[in-house]
Amino acid sequence: MLGERDGVELVDEYRRLRNRSLQRTPADTMGLDPDHQLDAIYARIVSRPVVDISAALEKLWFAHHCLTEEDDVKEATNLVYQVCLGLEAFSKRTGQRRVRSD
């Protein structure tokens, strides 16, 4: 699977490809286009459901990347919202009570 070979997490793979993409020179454009791979990894992270803590952490790490590396507040907010909804559903499935501080 893309990004999961050799224990490499999707977010780490995305960061690595993103850095490579940003450091490309015009001469490098003759090879493989990492933007296609970035789009594929991005789609997997965003569309993957939050079914456990590991999936929630992956989305939160990607939200952190979106905020700190790409200044993309909208995408980070979307990811955090997905995590909240996913963890709420997860807690209902496991019988844990929801704790709110409203």
PDB file of N, CA and C in Angstrom:
ATOM      1  N   MET A   1       0.827  -1.184   0.000  1.00  0.00           N
ATOM      2  CA  MET A   1       0.000   0.000   0.000  1.00  0.00           C
ATOM      3  C   MET A   1       0.872   1.249   0.000  1.00  0.00           C
ATOM      4  N   LEU A   2       0.408   2.260  -0.665  1.00  0.00           N
ATOM      5  CA  LEU A   2       1.135   3.511  -0.757  1.00  0.00           C
ATOM      6  C   LEU A   2       1.322   4.126   0.613  1.00  0.00           C
ATOM      7  N   GLY A   3       2.560   4.465   0.954  1.00  0.00           N
ATOM      8  CA  GLY A   3       2.842   5.140   2.198  1.00  0.00           C
ATOM      9  C   GLY A   3       2.940   4.246   3.407  1.00  0.00           C
ATOM     10  N   GLU A   4       2.623   2.967   3.274  1.00  0.00           N
ATOM     11  CA  GLU A   4       2.656   2.085   4.424  1.00  0.00           C
ATOM     12  C   GLU A   4       3.746   1.024   4.306  1.00  0.00           C
ATOM     13  N   ARG A   5       4.516   1.064   3.260  1.00  0.00           N
ATOM     14  CA  ARG A   5       5.590   0.090   3.099  1.00  0.00           C
ATOM     15  C   ARG A   5       6.720   0.425   4.067  1.00  0.00           C
ATOM     16  N   ASP A   6       7.357  -0.589   4.542  1.00  0.00           N
ATOM     17  CA  ASP A   6       8.493  -0.433   5.456  1.00  0.00           C
ATOM     18  C   ASP A   6       8.157   0.403   6.687  1.00  0.00           C
ATOM     19  N   GLY A   7       6.915   0.373   7.115  1.00  0.00           N
ATOM     20  CA  GLY A   7       6.535   1.076   8.332  1.00  0.00           C
ATOM     21  C   GLY A   7       6.468   2.588   8.199  1.00  0.00           C
ATOM     22  N   VAL A   8       6.473   3.106   6.975  1.00  0.00           N
ATOM     23  CA  VAL A   8       6.415   4.550   6.770  1.00  0.00           C
ATOM     24  C   VAL A   8       4.953   4.991   6.865  1.00  0.00           C
ATOM     25  N   GLU A   9       4.695   5.944   7.715  1.00  0.00           N
ATOM     26  CA  GLU A   9       3.340   6.466   7.872  1.00  0.00           C
ATOM     27  C   GLU A   9       2.991   7.373   6.691  1.00  0.00           C
ATOM     28  N   LEU A  10       1.706   7.481   6.402  1.00  0.00           N
ATOM     29  CA  LEU A  10       1.269   8.308   5.283  1.00  0.00           C
ATOM     30  C   LEU A  10       1.659   9.775   5.449  1.00  0.00           C
ATOM     31  N   VAL A  11       1.533  10.301   6.642  1.00  0.00           N
ATOM     32  CA  VAL A  11       1.861  11.717   6.852  1.00  0.00           C
ATOM     33  C   VAL A  11       3.353  11.958   6.622  1.00  0.00           C
ATOM     34  N   ASP A  12       4.192  11.051   7.100  1.00  0.00           N
ATOM     35  CA  ASP A  12       5.635  11.182   6.876  1.00  0.00           C
ATOM     36  C   ASP A  12       5.964  11.088   5.392  1.00  0.00           C
ATOM     37  N   GLU A  13       5.302  10.177   4.704  1.00  0.00           N
ATOM     38  CA  GLU A  13       5.508  10.032   3.261  1.00  0.00           C
ATOM     39  C   GLU A  13       5.071  11.303   2.541  1.00  0.00           C
ATOM     40  N   TYR A  14       3.949  11.877   2.948  1.00  0.00           N
ATOM     41  CA  TYR A  14       3.463  13.117   2.350  1.00  0.00           C
ATOM     42  C   TYR A  14       4.475  14.244   2.552  1.00  0.00           C
ATOM     43  N   ARG A  15       4.979  14.380   3.776  1.00  0.00           N
ATOM     44  CA  ARG A  15       5.962  15.430   4.066  1.00  0.00           C
ATOM     45  C   ARG A  15       7.223  15.259   3.228  1.00  0.00           C
ATOM     46  N   ARG A  16       7.693  14.034   3.123  1.00  0.00           N
ATOM     47  CA  ARG A  16       8.906  13.763   2.349  1.00  0.00           C
ATOM     48  C   ARG A  16       8.707  14.157   0.886  1.00  0.00           C
ATOM     49  N   LEU A  17       7.582  13.732   0.302  1.00  0.00           N
ATOM     50  CA  LEU A  17       7.303  14.063  -1.094  1.00  0.00           C
ATOM     51  C   LEU A  17       7.077  15.562  -1.281  1.00  0.00           C
ATOM     52  N   ARG A  18       6.426  16.187  -0.322  1.00  0.00           N
ATOM     53  CA  ARG A  18       6.164  17.624  -0.399  1.00  0.00           C
ATOM     54  C   ARG A  18       7.481  18.404  -0.398  1.00  0.00           C
ATOM     55  N   ASN A  19       8.390  18.016   0.479  1.00  0.00           N
ATOM     56  CA  ASN A  19       9.699  18.678   0.512  1.00  0.00           C
ATOM     57  C   ASN A  19      10.445  18.478  -0.792  1.00  0.00           C
ATOM     58  N   ARG A  20      10.386  17.264  -1.325  1.00  0.00           N
ATOM     59  CA  ARG A  20      11.044  16.994  -2.607  1.00  0.00           C
ATOM     60  C   ARG A  20      10.413  17.839  -3.713  1.00  0.00           C
ATOM     61  N   SER A  21       9.101  17.961  -3.695  1.00  0.00           N
ATOM     62  CA  SER A  21       8.398  18.743  -4.703  1.00  0.00           C
ATOM     63  C   SER A  21       8.778  20.221  -4.627  1.00  0.00           C
ATOM     64  N   LEU A  22       8.902  20.740  -3.414  1.00  0.00           N
ATOM     65  CA  LEU A  22       9.256  22.151  -3.240  1.00  0.00           C
ATOM     66  C   LEU A  22      10.693  22.449  -3.640  1.00  0.00           C
ATOM     67  N   GLN A  23      11.563  21.447  -3.575  1.00  0.00           N
ATOM     68  CA  GLN A  23      12.976  21.644  -3.885  1.00  0.00           C
ATOM     69  C   GLN A  23      13.318  21.307  -5.337  1.00  0.00           C
ATOM     70  N   ARG A  24      12.308  20.965  -6.123  1.00  0.00           N
ATOM     71  CA  ARG A  24      12.558  20.612  -7.519  1.00  0.00           C
ATOM     72  C   ARG A  24      13.038  21.803  -8.325  1.00  0.00           C
ATOM     73  N   THR A  25      13.905  21.525  -9.257  1.00  0.00           N
ATOM     74  CA  THR A  25      14.351  22.537 -10.209  1.00  0.00           C
ATOM     75  C   THR A  25      13.691  22.223 -11.546  1.00  0.00           C
ATOM     76  N   PRO A  26      13.703  23.159 -12.489  1.00  0.00           N
ATOM     77  CA  PRO A  26      13.104  22.866 -13.797  1.00  0.00           C
ATOM     78  C   PRO A  26      13.689  21.611 -14.454  1.00  0.00           C
ATOM     79  N   ALA A  27      14.951  21.317 -14.201  1.00  0.00           N
ATOM     80  CA  ALA A  27      15.568  20.118 -14.787  1.00  0.00           C
ATOM     81  C   ALA A  27      14.984  18.842 -14.184  1.00  0.00           C
ATOM     82  N   ASP A  28      14.477  18.929 -12.952  1.00  0.00           N
ATOM     83  CA  ASP A  28      13.909  17.760 -12.282  1.00  0.00           C
ATOM     84  C   ASP A  28      12.523  17.399 -12.790  1.00  0.00           C
ATOM     85  N   THR A  29      11.882  18.280 -13.531  1.00  0.00           N
ATOM     86  CA  THR A  29      10.507  18.038 -13.946  1.00  0.00           C
ATOM     87  C   THR A  29      10.395  16.949 -14.999  1.00  0.00           C
ATOM     88  N   MET A  30      11.517  16.461 -15.502  1.00  0.00           N
ATOM     89  CA  MET A  30      11.487  15.399 -16.505  1.00  0.00           C
ATOM     90  C   MET A  30      11.153  14.044 -15.893  1.00  0.00           C
ATOM     91  N   GLY A  31      11.399  13.876 -14.614  1.00  0.00           N
ATOM     92  CA  GLY A  31      11.147  12.597 -13.953  1.00  0.00           C
ATOM     93  C   GLY A  31       9.707  12.474 -13.500  1.00  0.00           C
ATOM     94  N   LEU A  32       9.492  11.583 -12.550  1.00  0.00           N
ATOM     95  CA  LEU A  32       8.164  11.385 -11.999  1.00  0.00           C
ATOM     96  C   LEU A  32       7.679  12.641 -11.295  1.00  0.00           C
ATOM     97  N   ASP A  33       6.419  12.927 -11.456  1.00  0.00           N
ATOM     98  CA  ASP A  33       5.819  14.090 -10.821  1.00  0.00           C
ATOM     99  C   ASP A  33       5.315  13.709  -9.437  1.00  0.00           C
ATOM    100  N   PRO A  34       5.954  14.222  -8.369  1.00  0.00           N
ATOM    101  CA  PRO A  34       5.508  13.857  -7.021  1.00  0.00           C
ATOM    102  C   PRO A  34       4.138  14.428  -6.672  1.00  0.00           C
ATOM    103  N   ASP A  35       3.663  15.424  -7.444  1.00  0.00           N
ATOM    104  CA  ASP A  35       2.352  15.999  -7.149  1.00  0.00           C
ATOM    105  C   ASP A  35       1.239  14.962  -7.270  1.00  0.00           C
ATOM    106  N   HIS A  36       1.361  14.058  -8.221  1.00  0.00           N
ATOM    107  CA  HIS A  36       0.365  12.990  -8.369  1.00  0.00           C
ATOM    108  C   HIS A  36       0.369  12.095  -7.131  1.00  0.00           C
ATOM    109  N   GLN A  37       1.556  11.762  -6.648  1.00  0.00           N
ATOM    110  CA  GLN A  37       1.667  10.948  -5.439  1.00  0.00           C
ATOM    111  C   GLN A  37       1.151  11.710  -4.223  1.00  0.00           C
ATOM    112  N   LEU A  38       1.441  13.007  -4.143  1.00  0.00           N
ATOM    113  CA  LEU A  38       0.938  13.831  -3.042  1.00  0.00           C
ATOM    114  C   LEU A  38      -0.587  13.826  -3.020  1.00  0.00           C
ATOM    115  N   ASP A  39      -1.187  13.975  -4.193  1.00  0.00           N
ATOM    116  CA  ASP A  39      -2.649  13.968  -4.276  1.00  0.00           C
ATOM    117  C   ASP A  39      -3.228  12.638  -3.817  1.00  0.00           C
ATOM    118  N   ALA A  40      -2.569  11.540  -4.185  1.00  0.00           N
ATOM    119  CA  ALA A  40      -3.053  10.210  -3.793  1.00  0.00           C
ATOM    120  C   ALA A  40      -2.956  10.012  -2.280  1.00  0.00           C
ATOM    121  N   ILE A  41      -1.847  10.432  -1.685  1.00  0.00           N
ATOM    122  CA  ILE A  41      -1.681  10.300  -0.234  1.00  0.00           C
ATOM    123  C   ILE A  41      -2.673  11.202   0.484  1.00  0.00           C
ATOM    124  N   TYR A  42      -2.817  12.428   0.009  1.00  0.00           N
ATOM    125  CA  TYR A  42      -3.770  13.365   0.596  1.00  0.00           C
ATOM    126  C   TYR A  42      -5.182  12.771   0.587  1.00  0.00           C
ATOM    127  N   ALA A  43      -5.585  12.226  -0.542  1.00  0.00           N
ATOM    128  CA  ALA A  43      -6.928  11.641  -0.657  1.00  0.00           C
ATOM    129  C   ALA A  43      -7.116  10.490   0.324  1.00  0.00           C
ATOM    130  N   ARG A  44      -6.082   9.670   0.495  1.00  0.00           N
ATOM    131  CA  ARG A  44      -6.186   8.552   1.447  1.00  0.00           C
ATOM    132  C   ARG A  44      -6.319   9.045   2.873  1.00  0.00           C
ATOM    133  N   ILE A  45      -5.542  10.040   3.252  1.00  0.00           N
ATOM    134  CA  ILE A  45      -5.602  10.553   4.624  1.00  0.00           C
ATOM    135  C   ILE A  45      -6.966  11.188   4.898  1.00  0.00           C
ATOM    136  N   VAL A  46      -7.423  12.029   3.987  1.00  0.00           N
ATOM    137  CA  VAL A  46      -8.672  12.757   4.201  1.00  0.00           C
ATOM    138  C   VAL A  46      -9.883  11.828   4.156  1.00  0.00           C
ATOM    139  N   SER A  47      -9.862  10.836   3.279  1.00  0.00           N
ATOM    140  CA  SER A  47     -11.037   9.972   3.130  1.00  0.00           C
ATOM    141  C   SER A  47     -11.060   8.793   4.093  1.00  0.00           C
ATOM    142  N   ARG A  48      -9.935   8.477   4.705  1.00  0.00           N
ATOM    143  CA  ARG A  48      -9.882   7.337   5.625  1.00  0.00           C
ATOM    144  C   ARG A  48     -10.746   7.630   6.850  1.00  0.00           C
ATOM    145  N   PRO A  49     -11.655   6.722   7.196  1.00  0.00           N
ATOM    146  CA  PRO A  49     -12.511   6.961   8.364  1.00  0.00           C
ATOM    147  C   PRO A  49     -11.732   6.843   9.670  1.00  0.00           C
ATOM    148  N   VAL A  50     -12.196   7.560  10.675  1.00  0.00           N
ATOM    149  CA  VAL A  50     -11.592   7.492  12.009  1.00  0.00           C
ATOM    150  C   VAL A  50     -12.289   6.356  12.752  1.00  0.00           C
ATOM    151  N   VAL A  51     -11.676   5.178  12.705  1.00  0.00           N
ATOM    152  CA  VAL A  51     -12.268   3.996  13.342  1.00  0.00           C
ATOM    153  C   VAL A  51     -11.526   3.588  14.605  1.00  0.00           C
ATOM    154  N   ASP A  52     -10.375   4.208  14.835  1.00  0.00           N
ATOM    155  CA  ASP A  52      -9.605   3.901  16.037  1.00  0.00           C
ATOM    156  C   ASP A  52      -8.678   5.073  16.356  1.00  0.00           C
ATOM    157  N   ILE A  53      -7.971   4.953  17.443  1.00  0.00           N
ATOM    158  CA  ILE A  53      -7.085   6.030  17.885  1.00  0.00           C
ATOM    159  C   ILE A  53      -5.965   6.277  16.875  1.00  0.00           C
ATOM    160  N   SER A  54      -5.461   5.231  16.270  1.00  0.00           N
ATOM    161  CA  SER A  54      -4.385   5.369  15.288  1.00  0.00           C
ATOM    162  C   SER A  54      -4.822   6.235  14.109  1.00  0.00           C
ATOM    163  N   ALA A  55      -6.021   5.999  13.605  1.00  0.00           N
ATOM    164  CA  ALA A  55      -6.541   6.796  12.490  1.00  0.00           C
ATOM    165  C   ALA A  55      -6.759   8.245  12.913  1.00  0.00           C
ATOM    166  N   ALA A  56      -7.216   8.444  14.149  1.00  0.00           N
ATOM    167  CA  ALA A  56      -7.413   9.803  14.664  1.00  0.00           C
ATOM    168  C   ALA A  56      -6.080  10.539  14.752  1.00  0.00           C
ATOM    169  N   LEU A  57      -5.067   9.854  15.268  1.00  0.00           N
ATOM    170  CA  LEU A  57      -3.745  10.473  15.380  1.00  0.00           C
ATOM    171  C   LEU A  57      -3.174  10.826  14.018  1.00  0.00           C
ATOM    172  N   GLU A  58      -3.370   9.954  13.039  1.00  0.00           N
ATOM    173  CA  GLU A  58      -2.876  10.237  11.694  1.00  0.00           C
ATOM    174  C   GLU A  58      -3.493  11.527  11.159  1.00  0.00           C
ATOM    175  N   LYS A  59      -4.807  11.666  11.315  1.00  0.00           N
ATOM    176  CA  LYS A  59      -5.468  12.880  10.836  1.00  0.00           C
ATOM    177  C   LYS A  59      -5.010  14.113  11.618  1.00  0.00           C
ATOM    178  N   LEU A  60      -4.816  13.958  12.922  1.00  0.00           N
ATOM    179  CA  LEU A  60      -4.349  15.096  13.716  1.00  0.00           C
ATOM    180  C   LEU A  60      -2.933  15.507  13.326  1.00  0.00           C
ATOM    181  N   TRP A  61      -2.065  14.535  13.057  1.00  0.00           N
ATOM    182  CA  TRP A  61      -0.710  14.863  12.600  1.00  0.00           C
ATOM    183  C   TRP A  61      -0.757  15.571  11.248  1.00  0.00           C
ATOM    184  N   PHE A  62      -1.672  15.146  10.382  1.00  0.00           N
ATOM    185  CA  PHE A  62      -1.782  15.798   9.084  1.00  0.00           C
ATOM    186  C   PHE A  62      -2.367  17.201   9.248  1.00  0.00           C
ATOM    187  N   ALA A  63      -3.308  17.372  10.170  1.00  0.00           N
ATOM    188  CA  ALA A  63      -3.842  18.708  10.455  1.00  0.00           C
ATOM    189  C   ALA A  63      -2.715  19.618  10.945  1.00  0.00           C
ATOM    190  N   HIS A  64      -1.861  19.088  11.798  1.00  0.00           N
ATOM    191  CA  HIS A  64      -0.703  19.852  12.283  1.00  0.00           C
ATOM    192  C   HIS A  64       0.189  20.256  11.111  1.00  0.00           C
ATOM    193  N   HIS A  65       0.429  19.326  10.202  1.00  0.00           N
ATOM    194  CA  HIS A  65       1.231  19.626   9.010  1.00  0.00           C
ATOM    195  C   HIS A  65       0.562  20.733   8.187  1.00  0.00           C
ATOM    196  N   CYS A  66      -0.755  20.622   8.000  1.00  0.00           N
ATOM    197  CA  CYS A  66      -1.471  21.629   7.209  1.00  0.00           C
ATOM    198  C   CYS A  66      -1.327  23.023   7.817  1.00  0.00           C
ATOM    199  N   LEU A  67      -1.381  23.096   9.144  1.00  0.00           N
ATOM    200  CA  LEU A  67      -1.256  24.395   9.818  1.00  0.00           C
ATOM    201  C   LEU A  67       0.168  24.927   9.795  1.00  0.00           C
ATOM    202  N   THR A  68       1.127  24.084  10.123  1.00  0.00           N
ATOM    203  CA  THR A  68       2.497  24.571  10.305  1.00  0.00           C
ATOM    204  C   THR A  68       3.286  24.673   9.014  1.00  0.00           C
ATOM    205  N   GLU A  69       3.033  23.795   8.078  1.00  0.00           N
ATOM    206  CA  GLU A  69       3.839  23.771   6.850  1.00  0.00           C
ATOM    207  C   GLU A  69       3.147  24.431   5.664  1.00  0.00           C
ATOM    208  N   GLU A  70       1.816  24.379   5.627  1.00  0.00           N
ATOM    209  CA  GLU A  70       1.109  24.869   4.443  1.00  0.00           C
ATOM    210  C   GLU A  70       0.174  26.037   4.736  1.00  0.00           C
ATOM    211  N   ASP A  71       0.065  26.436   5.993  1.00  0.00           N
ATOM    212  CA  ASP A  71      -0.828  27.536   6.382  1.00  0.00           C
ATOM    213  C   ASP A  71      -2.257  27.326   5.883  1.00  0.00           C
ATOM    214  N   ASP A  72      -2.709  26.092   5.890  1.00  0.00           N
ATOM    215  CA  ASP A  72      -4.039  25.752   5.386  1.00  0.00           C
ATOM    216  C   ASP A  72      -4.983  25.514   6.563  1.00  0.00           C
ATOM    217  N   VAL A  73      -5.530  26.610   7.077  1.00  0.00           N
ATOM    218  CA  VAL A  73      -6.409  26.541   8.247  1.00  0.00           C
ATOM    219  C   VAL A  73      -7.689  25.785   7.912  1.00  0.00           C
ATOM    220  N   LYS A  74      -8.219  25.991   6.718  1.00  0.00           N
ATOM    221  CA  LYS A  74      -9.476  25.342   6.325  1.00  0.00           C
ATOM    222  C   LYS A  74      -9.327  23.820   6.338  1.00  0.00           C
ATOM    223  N   GLU A  75      -8.261  23.307   5.759  1.00  0.00           N
ATOM    224  CA  GLU A  75      -8.063  21.849   5.724  1.00  0.00           C
ATOM    225  C   GLU A  75      -7.790  21.308   7.117  1.00  0.00           C
ATOM    226  N   ALA A  76      -7.014  22.020   7.903  1.00  0.00           N
ATOM    227  CA  ALA A  76      -6.741  21.579   9.273  1.00  0.00           C
ATOM    228  C   ALA A  76      -8.035  21.510  10.078  1.00  0.00           C
ATOM    229  N   THR A  77      -8.883  22.510   9.919  1.00  0.00           N
ATOM    230  CA  THR A  77     -10.172  22.521  10.613  1.00  0.00           C
ATOM    231  C   THR A  77     -11.031  21.345  10.182  1.00  0.00           C
ATOM    232  N   ASN A  78     -11.057  21.061   8.900  1.00  0.00           N
ATOM    233  CA  ASN A  78     -11.814  19.922   8.380  1.00  0.00           C
ATOM    234  C   ASN A  78     -11.320  18.613   9.000  1.00  0.00           C
ATOM    235  N   LEU A  79     -10.017  18.444   9.072  1.00  0.00           N
ATOM    236  CA  LEU A  79      -9.453  17.217   9.638  1.00  0.00           C
ATOM    237  C   LEU A  79      -9.768  17.077  11.125  1.00  0.00           C
ATOM    238  N   VAL A  80      -9.657  18.161  11.876  1.00  0.00           N
ATOM    239  CA  VAL A  80      -9.972  18.114  13.309  1.00  0.00           C
ATOM    240  C   VAL A  80     -11.449  17.780  13.502  1.00  0.00           C
ATOM    241  N   TYR A  81     -12.309  18.333  12.673  1.00  0.00           N
ATOM    242  CA  TYR A  81     -13.741  18.035  12.744  1.00  0.00           C
ATOM    243  C   TYR A  81     -13.993  16.550  12.460  1.00  0.00           C
ATOM    244  N   GLN A  82     -13.327  16.002  11.449  1.00  0.00           N
ATOM    245  CA  GLN A  82     -13.460  14.569  11.152  1.00  0.00           C
ATOM    246  C   GLN A  82     -13.039  13.727  12.347  1.00  0.00           C
ATOM    247  N   VAL A  83     -11.965  14.131  13.004  1.00  0.00           N
ATOM    248  CA  VAL A  83     -11.484  13.393  14.177  1.00  0.00           C
ATOM    249  C   VAL A  83     -12.519  13.450  15.297  1.00  0.00           C
ATOM    250  N   CYS A  84     -13.080  14.626  15.539  1.00  0.00           N
ATOM    251  CA  CYS A  84     -14.103  14.753  16.591  1.00  0.00           C
ATOM    252  C   CYS A  84     -15.291  13.843  16.316  1.00  0.00           C
ATOM    253  N   LEU A  85     -15.793  13.875  15.090  1.00  0.00           N
ATOM    254  CA  LEU A  85     -16.931  13.020  14.739  1.00  0.00           C
ATOM    255  C   LEU A  85     -16.570  11.543  14.844  1.00  0.00           C
ATOM    256  N   GLY A  86     -15.397  11.194  14.365  1.00  0.00           N
ATOM    257  CA  GLY A  86     -14.966   9.800  14.407  1.00  0.00           C
ATOM    258  C   GLY A  86     -14.779   9.285  15.818  1.00  0.00           C
ATOM    259  N   LEU A  87     -14.170  10.089  16.674  1.00  0.00           N
ATOM    260  CA  LEU A  87     -13.966   9.661  18.064  1.00  0.00           C
ATOM    261  C   LEU A  87     -15.285   9.585  18.819  1.00  0.00           C
ATOM    262  N   GLU A  88     -16.207  10.479  18.501  1.00  0.00           N
ATOM    263  CA  GLU A  88     -17.522  10.414  19.129  1.00  0.00           C
ATOM    264  C   GLU A  88     -18.227   9.112  18.742  1.00  0.00           C
ATOM    265  N   ALA A  89     -18.198   8.764  17.463  1.00  0.00           N
ATOM    266  CA  ALA A  89     -18.802   7.507  17.011  1.00  0.00           C
ATOM    267  C   ALA A  89     -18.080   6.313  17.623  1.00  0.00           C
ATOM    268  N   PHE A  90     -16.755   6.388  17.702  1.00  0.00           N
ATOM    269  CA  PHE A  90     -15.960   5.315  18.300  1.00  0.00           C
ATOM    270  C   PHE A  90     -16.336   5.115  19.764  1.00  0.00           C
ATOM    271  N   SER A  91     -16.509   6.210  20.493  1.00  0.00           N
ATOM    272  CA  SER A  91     -16.855   6.096  21.911  1.00  0.00           C
ATOM    273  C   SER A  91     -18.255   5.514  22.092  1.00  0.00           C
ATOM    274  N   LYS A  92     -19.169   5.824  21.184  1.00  0.00           N
ATOM    275  CA  LYS A  92     -20.516   5.236  21.256  1.00  0.00           C
ATOM    276  C   LYS A  92     -20.466   3.738  20.999  1.00  0.00           C
ATOM    277  N   ARG A  93     -19.635   3.329  20.051  1.00  0.00           N
ATOM    278  CA  ARG A  93     -19.516   1.891  19.744  1.00  0.00           C
ATOM    279  C   ARG A  93     -18.905   1.126  20.904  1.00  0.00           C
ATOM    280  N   THR A  94     -17.997   1.750  21.600  1.00  0.00           N
ATOM    281  CA  THR A  94     -17.316   1.060  22.698  1.00  0.00           C
ATOM    282  C   THR A  94     -18.014   1.272  24.032  1.00  0.00           C
ATOM    283  N   GLY A  95     -19.126   2.011  24.028  1.00  0.00           N
ATOM    284  CA  GLY A  95     -19.909   2.189  25.241  1.00  0.00           C
ATOM    285  C   GLY A  95     -19.372   3.220  26.206  1.00  0.00           C
ATOM    286  N   GLN A  96     -18.451   4.049  25.757  1.00  0.00           N
ATOM    287  CA  GLN A  96     -17.910   5.087  26.635  1.00  0.00           C
ATOM    288  C   GLN A  96     -18.809   6.314  26.584  1.00  0.00           C
ATOM    289  N   ARG A  97     -18.967   6.947  27.736  1.00  0.00           N
ATOM    290  CA  ARG A  97     -19.804   8.140  27.799  1.00  0.00           C
ATOM    291  C   ARG A  97     -19.063   9.332  27.220  1.00  0.00           C
ATOM    292  N   ARG A  98     -19.824  10.203  26.637  1.00  0.00           N
ATOM    293  CA  ARG A  98     -19.268  11.427  26.071  1.00  0.00           C
ATOM    294  C   ARG A  98     -19.128  12.466  27.171  1.00  0.00           C
ATOM    295  N   VAL A  99     -17.988  13.065  27.243  1.00  0.00           N
ATOM    296  CA  VAL A  99     -17.732  14.098  28.246  1.00  0.00           C
ATOM    297  C   VAL A  99     -17.560  15.417  27.517  1.00  0.00           C
ATOM    298  N   ARG A 100     -18.423  16.370  27.828  1.00  0.00           N
ATOM    299  CA  ARG A 100     -18.342  17.692  27.202  1.00  0.00           C
ATOM    300  C   ARG A 100     -18.153  18.737  28.268  1.00  0.00           C
ATOM    301  N   SER A 101     -17.471  19.760  27.932  1.00  0.00           N
ATOM    302  CA  SER A 101     -17.237  20.849  28.881  1.00  0.00           C
ATOM    303  C   SER A 101     -17.927  22.123  28.417  1.00  0.00           C
ATOM    304  N   ASP A 102     -19.154  22.007  27.959  1.00  0.00           N
ATOM    305  CA  ASP A 102     -19.907  23.183  27.462  1.00  0.00           C
ATOM    306  C   ASP A 102     -20.290  24.093  28.589  1.00  0.00           C
TER     307      ASP A 102
END
